Amino acid sequence: MAIKTTVRLDETIVKEAKRKALDEDKTFQEVVDLALREFLNKKISTRKVSIDELTAYPLEVKGNLKREDLYKDYLEIKFPARSK
Protein backbone atom coordinates (compact mmCIF):
# COMPACT_ATOMS: atom_id res chain seq x y z
CA MET A 1 0.00 0.00 0.00
CA ALA A 2 1.41 3.38 -0.97
CA ILE A 3 1.20 6.35 1.36
CA LYS A 4 1.26 9.91 0.10
CA THR A 5 3.72 12.16 1.92
CA THR A 6 5.61 15.38 1.40
CA VAL A 7 9.40 15.35 1.41
CA ARG A 8 11.69 18.27 0.65
CA LEU A 9 14.52 17.22 -1.64
CA ASP A 10 17.49 19.11 -2.97
CA GLU A 11 16.76 20.40 -6.46
CA THR A 12 19.88 18.76 -7.88
CA ILE A 13 18.87 15.36 -6.49
CA VAL A 14 15.40 15.69 -7.99
CA LYS A 15 16.84 16.55 -11.40
CA GLU A 16 19.26 13.60 -11.27
CA ALA A 17 16.47 11.23 -10.18
CA LYS A 18 14.18 12.42 -12.98
CA ARG A 19 17.01 12.01 -15.51
CA LYS A 20 17.67 8.50 -14.22
CA ALA A 21 13.97 7.68 -14.47
CA LEU A 22 13.93 8.76 -18.11
CA ASP A 23 17.15 6.88 -18.89
CA GLU A 24 15.81 3.67 -17.35
CA ASP A 25 12.21 4.06 -18.55
CA LYS A 26 10.92 4.22 -14.98
CA THR A 27 8.78 6.69 -13.09
CA PHE A 28 10.27 9.21 -10.69
CA GLN A 29 8.41 7.38 -7.91
CA GLU A 30 10.05 4.07 -8.83
CA VAL A 31 13.52 5.64 -8.74
CA VAL A 32 12.89 7.25 -5.34
CA ASP A 33 11.40 4.03 -3.93
CA LEU A 34 14.36 1.97 -5.13
CA ALA A 35 16.92 4.46 -3.80
CA LEU A 36 15.28 4.59 -0.38
CA ARG A 37 14.85 0.81 -0.27
CA GLU A 38 18.53 0.25 -1.12
CA PHE A 39 19.57 2.77 1.54
CA LEU A 40 17.42 1.12 4.21
CA ASN A 41 18.63 -2.38 3.30
CA LYS A 42 22.30 -1.44 3.29
CA LYS A 43 24.08 -3.42 5.98
CA ILE A 44 26.46 -1.38 8.04
CA SER A 45 29.77 -3.08 8.66
CA THR A 46 30.12 -4.55 12.13
CA ARG A 47 33.66 -5.72 11.54
CA LYS A 48 35.96 -5.15 14.49
CA VAL A 49 38.88 -2.86 13.73
CA SER A 50 42.26 -4.10 14.84
CA ILE A 51 44.46 -1.65 16.75
CA ASP A 52 47.18 -2.44 14.20
CA GLU A 53 45.04 -0.96 11.42
CA LEU A 54 44.93 2.47 13.05
CA THR A 55 47.51 5.22 12.83
CA ALA A 56 49.31 6.01 16.09
CA TYR A 57 50.17 9.59 17.02
CA PRO A 58 52.80 10.26 19.69
CA LEU A 59 51.62 12.35 22.63
CA GLU A 60 54.10 15.11 21.88
CA VAL A 61 52.47 15.94 18.51
CA LYS A 62 51.93 19.67 18.29
CA GLY A 63 50.16 21.70 15.70
CA ASN A 64 46.74 21.56 14.13
CA LEU A 65 45.86 17.91 14.59
CA LYS A 66 42.09 17.66 14.20
CA ARG A 67 39.62 15.07 15.39
CA GLU A 68 38.91 14.18 11.74
CA ASP A 69 42.60 13.42 11.25
CA LEU A 70 42.65 11.11 14.27
CA TYR A 71 39.61 9.12 13.19
CA LYS A 72 40.10 9.24 9.40
CA ASP A 73 41.66 5.80 9.02
CA TYR A 74 39.13 4.27 11.42
CA LEU A 75 36.22 5.68 9.42
CA GLU A 76 37.74 4.52 6.12
CA ILE A 77 38.03 0.98 7.50
CA LYS A 78 34.67 0.89 9.27
CA PHE A 79 32.63 2.72 6.61
CA PRO A 80 34.46 2.40 3.27
CA ALA A 81 31.53 3.76 1.23
CA ARG A 82 31.61 7.08 3.12
CA SER A 83 35.28 7.76 2.41
CA LYS A 84 34.76 7.94 -1.36
C-alpha atoms as a PDB file:
ATOM      1  CA  MET A   1       0.000   0.000   0.000  1.00  0.00           C
ATOM      2  CA  ALA A   2       1.407   3.378  -0.967  1.00  0.00           C
ATOM      3  CA  ILE A   3       1.205   6.354   1.356  1.00  0.00           C
ATOM      4  CA  LYS A   4       1.257   9.914   0.098  1.00  0.00           C
ATOM      5  CA  THR A   5       3.716  12.155   1.924  1.00  0.00           C
ATOM      6  CA  THR A   6       5.609  15.377   1.398  1.00  0.00           C
ATOM      7  CA  VAL A   7       9.400  15.351   1.414  1.00  0.00           C
ATOM      8  CA  ARG A   8      11.690  18.267   0.648  1.00  0.00           C
ATOM      9  CA  LEU A   9      14.524  17.222  -1.636  1.00  0.00           C
ATOM     10  CA  ASP A  10      17.491  19.113  -2.966  1.00  0.00           C
ATOM     11  CA  GLU A  11      16.757  20.403  -6.465  1.00  0.00           C
ATOM     12  CA  THR A  12      19.876  18.761  -7.882  1.00  0.00           C
ATOM     13  CA  ILE A  13      18.871  15.364  -6.492  1.00  0.00           C
ATOM     14  CA  VAL A  14      15.395  15.687  -7.990  1.00  0.00           C
ATOM     15  CA  LYS A  15      16.842  16.553 -11.402  1.00  0.00           C
ATOM     16  CA  GLU A  16      19.257  13.603 -11.266  1.00  0.00           C
ATOM     17  CA  ALA A  17      16.473  11.231 -10.180  1.00  0.00           C
ATOM     18  CA  LYS A  18      14.181  12.416 -12.979  1.00  0.00           C
ATOM     19  CA  ARG A  19      17.006  12.015 -15.507  1.00  0.00           C
ATOM     20  CA  LYS A  20      17.675   8.497 -14.218  1.00  0.00           C
ATOM     21  CA  ALA A  21      13.967   7.676 -14.467  1.00  0.00           C
ATOM     22  CA  LEU A  22      13.927   8.765 -18.107  1.00  0.00           C
ATOM     23  CA  ASP A  23      17.147   6.876 -18.895  1.00  0.00           C
ATOM     24  CA  GLU A  24      15.808   3.671 -17.352  1.00  0.00           C
ATOM     25  CA  ASP A  25      12.211   4.060 -18.554  1.00  0.00           C
ATOM     26  CA  LYS A  26      10.922   4.222 -14.977  1.00  0.00           C
ATOM     27  CA  THR A  27       8.782   6.687 -13.086  1.00  0.00           C
ATOM     28  CA  PHE A  28      10.266   9.213 -10.690  1.00  0.00           C
ATOM     29  CA  GLN A  29       8.414   7.381  -7.909  1.00  0.00           C
ATOM     30  CA  GLU A  30      10.050   4.065  -8.828  1.00  0.00           C
ATOM     31  CA  VAL A  31      13.519   5.640  -8.737  1.00  0.00           C
ATOM     32  CA  VAL A  32      12.888   7.253  -5.341  1.00  0.00           C
ATOM     33  CA  ASP A  33      11.395   4.030  -3.926  1.00  0.00           C
ATOM     34  CA  LEU A  34      14.359   1.975  -5.126  1.00  0.00           C
ATOM     35  CA  ALA A  35      16.922   4.461  -3.796  1.00  0.00           C
ATOM     36  CA  LEU A  36      15.278   4.585  -0.377  1.00  0.00           C
ATOM     37  CA  ARG A  37      14.846   0.812  -0.266  1.00  0.00           C
ATOM     38  CA  GLU A  38      18.530   0.254  -1.116  1.00  0.00           C
ATOM     39  CA  PHE A  39      19.573   2.768   1.541  1.00  0.00           C
ATOM     40  CA  LEU A  40      17.424   1.121   4.212  1.00  0.00           C
ATOM     41  CA  ASN A  41      18.626  -2.384   3.297  1.00  0.00           C
ATOM     42  CA  LYS A  42      22.298  -1.441   3.295  1.00  0.00           C
ATOM     43  CA  LYS A  43      24.085  -3.418   5.978  1.00  0.00           C
ATOM     44  CA  ILE A  44      26.461  -1.380   8.044  1.00  0.00           C
ATOM     45  CA  SER A  45      29.768  -3.081   8.664  1.00  0.00           C
ATOM     46  CA  THR A  46      30.117  -4.552  12.132  1.00  0.00           C
ATOM     47  CA  ARG A  47      33.660  -5.717  11.541  1.00  0.00           C
ATOM     48  CA  LYS A  48      35.955  -5.149  14.491  1.00  0.00           C
ATOM     49  CA  VAL A  49      38.880  -2.861  13.728  1.00  0.00           C
ATOM     50  CA  SER A  50      42.256  -4.100  14.842  1.00  0.00           C
ATOM     51  CA  ILE A  51      44.455  -1.652  16.751  1.00  0.00           C
ATOM     52  CA  ASP A  52      47.181  -2.439  14.204  1.00  0.00           C
ATOM     53  CA  GLU A  53      45.039  -0.958  11.416  1.00  0.00           C
ATOM     54  CA  LEU A  54      44.935   2.467  13.045  1.00  0.00           C
ATOM     55  CA  THR A  55      47.509   5.217  12.835  1.00  0.00           C
ATOM     56  CA  ALA A  56      49.310   6.009  16.095  1.00  0.00           C
ATOM     57  CA  TYR A  57      50.168   9.588  17.022  1.00  0.00           C
ATOM     58  CA  PRO A  58      52.800  10.264  19.693  1.00  0.00           C
ATOM     59  CA  LEU A  59      51.623  12.347  22.632  1.00  0.00           C
ATOM     60  CA  GLU A  60      54.104  15.114  21.877  1.00  0.00           C
ATOM     61  CA  VAL A  61      52.472  15.936  18.515  1.00  0.00           C
ATOM     62  CA  LYS A  62      51.935  19.667  18.287  1.00  0.00           C
ATOM     63  CA  GLY A  63      50.161  21.699  15.700  1.00  0.00           C
ATOM     64  CA  ASN A  64      46.740  21.557  14.132  1.00  0.00           C
ATOM     65  CA  LEU A  65      45.859  17.906  14.591  1.00  0.00           C
ATOM     66  CA  LYS A  66      42.094  17.664  14.201  1.00  0.00           C
ATOM     67  CA  ARG A  67      39.620  15.068  15.386  1.00  0.00           C
ATOM     68  CA  GLU A  68      38.906  14.178  11.735  1.00  0.00           C
ATOM     69  CA  ASP A  69      42.602  13.419  11.248  1.00  0.00           C
ATOM     70  CA  LEU A  70      42.651  11.115  14.266  1.00  0.00           C
ATOM     71  CA  TYR A  71      39.614   9.121  13.194  1.00  0.00           C
ATOM     72  CA  LYS A  72      40.097   9.243   9.399  1.00  0.00           C
ATOM     73  CA  ASP A  73      41.662   5.802   9.022  1.00  0.00           C
ATOM     74  CA  TYR A  74      39.125   4.270  11.420  1.00  0.00           C
ATOM     75  CA  LEU A  75      36.216   5.676   9.421  1.00  0.00           C
ATOM     76  CA  GLU A  76      37.743   4.518   6.124  1.00  0.00           C
ATOM     77  CA  ILE A  77      38.032   0.984   7.496  1.00  0.00           C
ATOM     78  CA  LYS A  78      34.665   0.888   9.268  1.00  0.00           C
ATOM     79  CA  PHE A  79      32.628   2.725   6.609  1.00  0.00           C
ATOM     80  CA  PRO A  80      34.463   2.396   3.270  1.00  0.00           C
ATOM     81  CA  ALA A  81      31.532   3.762   1.229  1.00  0.00           C
ATOM     82  CA  ARG A  82      31.609   7.084   3.118  1.00  0.00           C
ATOM     83  CA  SER A  83      35.282   7.759   2.405  1.00  0.00           C
ATOM     84  CA  LYS A  84      34.761   7.939  -1.361  1.00  0.00           C
END
